[in-house]
Amino acid sequence: MIKESLELSKHRPISSFFMGMINIGLGKKDQVFAWLEEAFLERKPLLMQARPDPIVQYRLQTDPRYYDLLRRIGSVGEE
């Protein structure tokens, strides 16, 4: 799926948030945070969904980068 998405990105934009979510499924945390950081810099609205999604939270909650990202997007402490 990543290979196909990167190939598609040569012809049209692919969401950095979407690419981050693909990498969550693959368990590639470094790539997840690289893509989510890009989504943050691009101010992608979908990034705000990273905390409420139980799969995202479950997969990333043990990584301090997750809470740093949440802090920067302003959703730490919101339930």
N, C-alpha and C. Protein backbone atom coordinates (compact mmCIF):
# COMPACT_ATOMS: atom_id res chain seq x y z
N MET A 1 0.83 -1.19 0.00
CA MET A 1 0.00 0.00 0.00
C MET A 1 0.87 1.26 0.00
N ILE A 2 1.96 1.23 0.77
CA ILE A 2 2.86 2.38 0.79
C ILE A 2 3.49 2.58 -0.58
N LYS A 3 3.93 1.50 -1.18
CA LYS A 3 4.55 1.59 -2.50
C LYS A 3 3.58 2.18 -3.52
N GLU A 4 2.33 1.72 -3.49
CA GLU A 4 1.31 2.25 -4.40
C GLU A 4 1.04 3.72 -4.13
N SER A 5 0.95 4.09 -2.86
CA SER A 5 0.69 5.49 -2.51
C SER A 5 1.83 6.40 -2.95
N LEU A 6 3.06 5.94 -2.75
CA LEU A 6 4.20 6.76 -3.19
C LEU A 6 4.23 6.88 -4.70
N GLU A 7 3.83 5.84 -5.39
CA GLU A 7 3.76 5.90 -6.86
C GLU A 7 2.67 6.89 -7.28
N LEU A 8 1.51 6.83 -6.62
CA LEU A 8 0.44 7.78 -6.92
C LEU A 8 0.86 9.22 -6.64
N SER A 9 1.69 9.40 -5.62
CA SER A 9 2.09 10.76 -5.25
C SER A 9 2.91 11.44 -6.33
N LYS A 10 3.40 10.67 -7.29
CA LYS A 10 4.12 11.28 -8.42
C LYS A 10 3.16 12.01 -9.35
N HIS A 11 1.87 11.63 -9.29
CA HIS A 11 0.88 12.20 -10.20
C HIS A 11 -0.14 13.10 -9.51
N ARG A 12 -0.31 12.89 -8.21
CA ARG A 12 -1.23 13.73 -7.43
C ARG A 12 -0.82 13.69 -5.97
N PRO A 13 -1.19 14.72 -5.22
CA PRO A 13 -0.77 14.77 -3.82
C PRO A 13 -1.41 13.65 -2.99
N ILE A 14 -0.64 13.09 -2.10
CA ILE A 14 -1.12 12.09 -1.15
C ILE A 14 -0.97 12.70 0.25
N SER A 15 -1.98 12.56 1.05
CA SER A 15 -1.98 13.15 2.39
C SER A 15 -0.87 12.56 3.26
N SER A 16 -0.10 13.44 3.87
CA SER A 16 0.93 12.99 4.80
C SER A 16 0.29 12.31 6.02
N PHE A 17 -0.88 12.75 6.41
CA PHE A 17 -1.60 12.10 7.50
C PHE A 17 -1.96 10.66 7.11
N PHE A 18 -2.46 10.47 5.91
CA PHE A 18 -2.80 9.14 5.40
C PHE A 18 -1.57 8.23 5.40
N MET A 19 -0.45 8.76 4.97
CA MET A 19 0.78 7.96 4.95
C MET A 19 1.20 7.58 6.37
N GLY A 20 1.00 8.48 7.31
CA GLY A 20 1.29 8.17 8.70
C GLY A 20 0.41 7.04 9.21
N MET A 21 -0.87 7.06 8.84
CA MET A 21 -1.79 6.02 9.29
C MET A 21 -1.43 4.65 8.69
N ILE A 22 -0.98 4.63 7.46
CA ILE A 22 -0.54 3.37 6.85
C ILE A 22 0.62 2.80 7.65
N ASN A 23 1.55 3.65 8.02
CA ASN A 23 2.72 3.18 8.76
C ASN A 23 2.37 2.73 10.18
N ILE A 24 1.30 3.26 10.76
CA ILE A 24 0.85 2.76 12.06
C ILE A 24 0.50 1.28 11.93
N GLY A 25 -0.23 0.96 10.88
CA GLY A 25 -0.62 -0.42 10.65
C GLY A 25 0.56 -1.35 10.45
N LEU A 26 1.64 -0.81 9.93
CA LEU A 26 2.84 -1.60 9.69
C LEU A 26 3.77 -1.63 10.90
N GLY A 27 3.43 -0.84 11.92
CA GLY A 27 4.26 -0.81 13.12
C GLY A 27 5.57 -0.06 12.95
N LYS A 28 5.65 0.83 11.98
CA LYS A 28 6.88 1.58 11.70
C LYS A 28 6.77 2.97 12.34
N LYS A 29 7.05 3.03 13.64
CA LYS A 29 6.84 4.27 14.39
C LYS A 29 7.68 5.44 13.89
N ASP A 30 8.92 5.20 13.51
CA ASP A 30 9.73 6.33 13.03
C ASP A 30 9.11 6.96 11.79
N GLN A 31 8.62 6.12 10.88
CA GLN A 31 7.97 6.64 9.68
C GLN A 31 6.64 7.31 10.03
N VAL A 32 5.92 6.74 11.01
CA VAL A 32 4.66 7.35 11.45
C VAL A 32 4.92 8.79 11.87
N PHE A 33 5.89 8.97 12.75
CA PHE A 33 6.14 10.31 13.27
C PHE A 33 6.73 11.25 12.22
N ALA A 34 7.48 10.72 11.28
CA ALA A 34 7.98 11.57 10.19
C ALA A 34 6.81 12.10 9.37
N TRP A 35 5.86 11.23 9.05
CA TRP A 35 4.69 11.66 8.26
C TRP A 35 3.77 12.57 9.07
N LEU A 36 3.56 12.24 10.35
CA LEU A 36 2.69 13.09 11.16
C LEU A 36 3.31 14.46 11.41
N GLU A 37 4.62 14.50 11.52
CA GLU A 37 5.31 15.80 11.65
C GLU A 37 5.09 16.63 10.39
N GLU A 38 5.17 15.97 9.24
CA GLU A 38 4.91 16.69 7.98
C GLU A 38 3.47 17.18 7.95
N ALA A 39 2.53 16.35 8.40
CA ALA A 39 1.12 16.77 8.45
C ALA A 39 0.95 17.96 9.39
N PHE A 40 1.68 17.95 10.51
CA PHE A 40 1.63 19.07 11.44
C PHE A 40 2.13 20.35 10.78
N LEU A 41 3.26 20.25 10.10
CA LEU A 41 3.83 21.42 9.43
C LEU A 41 2.93 21.94 8.31
N GLU A 42 2.19 21.02 7.70
CA GLU A 42 1.25 21.40 6.62
C GLU A 42 -0.10 21.84 7.18
N ARG A 43 -0.27 21.74 8.50
CA ARG A 43 -1.52 22.11 9.19
C ARG A 43 -2.71 21.30 8.66
N LYS A 44 -2.53 19.99 8.54
CA LYS A 44 -3.58 19.10 8.04
C LYS A 44 -4.68 18.93 9.09
N PRO A 45 -5.95 19.22 8.74
CA PRO A 45 -7.05 19.06 9.71
C PRO A 45 -7.21 17.63 10.22
N LEU A 46 -6.91 16.65 9.41
CA LEU A 46 -7.05 15.26 9.84
C LEU A 46 -6.15 14.93 11.01
N LEU A 47 -5.10 15.67 11.18
CA LEU A 47 -4.17 15.41 12.28
C LEU A 47 -4.89 15.51 13.62
N MET A 48 -5.91 16.34 13.71
CA MET A 48 -6.65 16.49 14.96
C MET A 48 -7.37 15.19 15.33
N GLN A 49 -7.53 14.27 14.40
CA GLN A 49 -8.19 13.00 14.67
C GLN A 49 -7.24 11.98 15.26
N ALA A 50 -5.98 12.28 15.35
CA ALA A 50 -4.98 11.32 15.82
C ALA A 50 -5.21 10.91 17.27
N ARG A 51 -5.71 11.80 18.09
CA ARG A 51 -5.92 11.45 19.50
C ARG A 51 -7.20 10.67 19.72
N PRO A 52 -8.34 11.09 19.19
CA PRO A 52 -9.56 10.36 19.49
C PRO A 52 -9.60 8.94 18.92
N ASP A 53 -8.82 8.67 17.90
CA ASP A 53 -8.85 7.35 17.29
C ASP A 53 -8.20 6.34 18.23
N PRO A 54 -8.95 5.34 18.70
CA PRO A 54 -8.39 4.39 19.68
C PRO A 54 -7.22 3.57 19.13
N ILE A 55 -7.23 3.27 17.86
CA ILE A 55 -6.11 2.50 17.28
C ILE A 55 -4.84 3.34 17.29
N VAL A 56 -4.96 4.59 16.88
CA VAL A 56 -3.81 5.49 16.89
C VAL A 56 -3.28 5.63 18.31
N GLN A 57 -4.17 5.90 19.23
CA GLN A 57 -3.75 6.10 20.62
C GLN A 57 -3.10 4.83 21.17
N TYR A 58 -3.69 3.68 20.93
CA TYR A 58 -3.15 2.42 21.43
C TYR A 58 -1.75 2.15 20.88
N ARG A 59 -1.57 2.39 19.59
CA ARG A 59 -0.29 2.09 18.95
C ARG A 59 0.81 3.08 19.31
N LEU A 60 0.45 4.31 19.64
CA LEU A 60 1.46 5.36 19.83
C LEU A 60 1.61 5.86 21.25
N GLN A 61 0.71 5.50 22.15
CA GLN A 61 0.70 6.10 23.48
C GLN A 61 1.94 5.82 24.32
N THR A 62 2.72 4.82 23.98
CA THR A 62 3.93 4.54 24.75
C THR A 62 5.14 5.32 24.23
N ASP A 63 4.95 6.08 23.17
CA ASP A 63 6.05 6.84 22.58
C ASP A 63 5.92 8.32 22.96
N PRO A 64 6.96 8.90 23.58
CA PRO A 64 6.88 10.31 24.00
C PRO A 64 6.63 11.28 22.84
N ARG A 65 6.99 10.88 21.63
CA ARG A 65 6.75 11.75 20.47
C ARG A 65 5.26 11.98 20.24
N TYR A 66 4.45 10.99 20.62
CA TYR A 66 2.99 11.10 20.47
C TYR A 66 2.47 12.25 21.35
N TYR A 67 2.89 12.28 22.60
CA TYR A 67 2.42 13.33 23.51
C TYR A 67 2.99 14.70 23.15
N ASP A 68 4.19 14.72 22.62
CA ASP A 68 4.76 15.98 22.14
C ASP A 68 3.93 16.52 20.98
N LEU A 69 3.56 15.64 20.07
CA LEU A 69 2.74 16.05 18.93
C LEU A 69 1.37 16.53 19.41
N LEU A 70 0.75 15.80 20.32
CA LEU A 70 -0.54 16.22 20.86
C LEU A 70 -0.45 17.59 21.53
N ARG A 71 0.62 17.79 22.28
CA ARG A 71 0.82 19.09 22.94
C ARG A 71 0.88 20.21 21.91
N ARG A 72 1.63 19.96 20.84
CA ARG A 72 1.80 21.00 19.82
C ARG A 72 0.53 21.26 19.03
N ILE A 73 -0.32 20.25 18.85
CA ILE A 73 -1.58 20.51 18.13
C ILE A 73 -2.69 20.97 19.08
N GLY A 74 -2.35 20.98 20.39
CA GLY A 74 -3.29 21.54 21.36
C GLY A 74 -4.38 20.59 21.82
N SER A 75 -4.14 19.28 21.77
CA SER A 75 -5.19 18.38 22.20
C SER A 75 -4.82 17.56 23.43
N VAL A 76 -3.76 17.92 24.11
CA VAL A 76 -3.43 17.23 25.35
C VAL A 76 -4.42 17.67 26.42
N GLY A 77 -4.95 16.70 27.15
CA GLY A 77 -5.87 17.01 28.22
C GLY A 77 -7.32 17.09 27.79
N GLU A 78 -7.59 16.98 26.49
CA GLU A 78 -8.97 17.02 26.00
C GLU A 78 -9.46 15.60 25.88
N GLU A 79 -10.61 15.32 26.37
CA GLU A 79 -11.21 13.98 26.26
C GLU A 79 -12.54 14.10 25.56
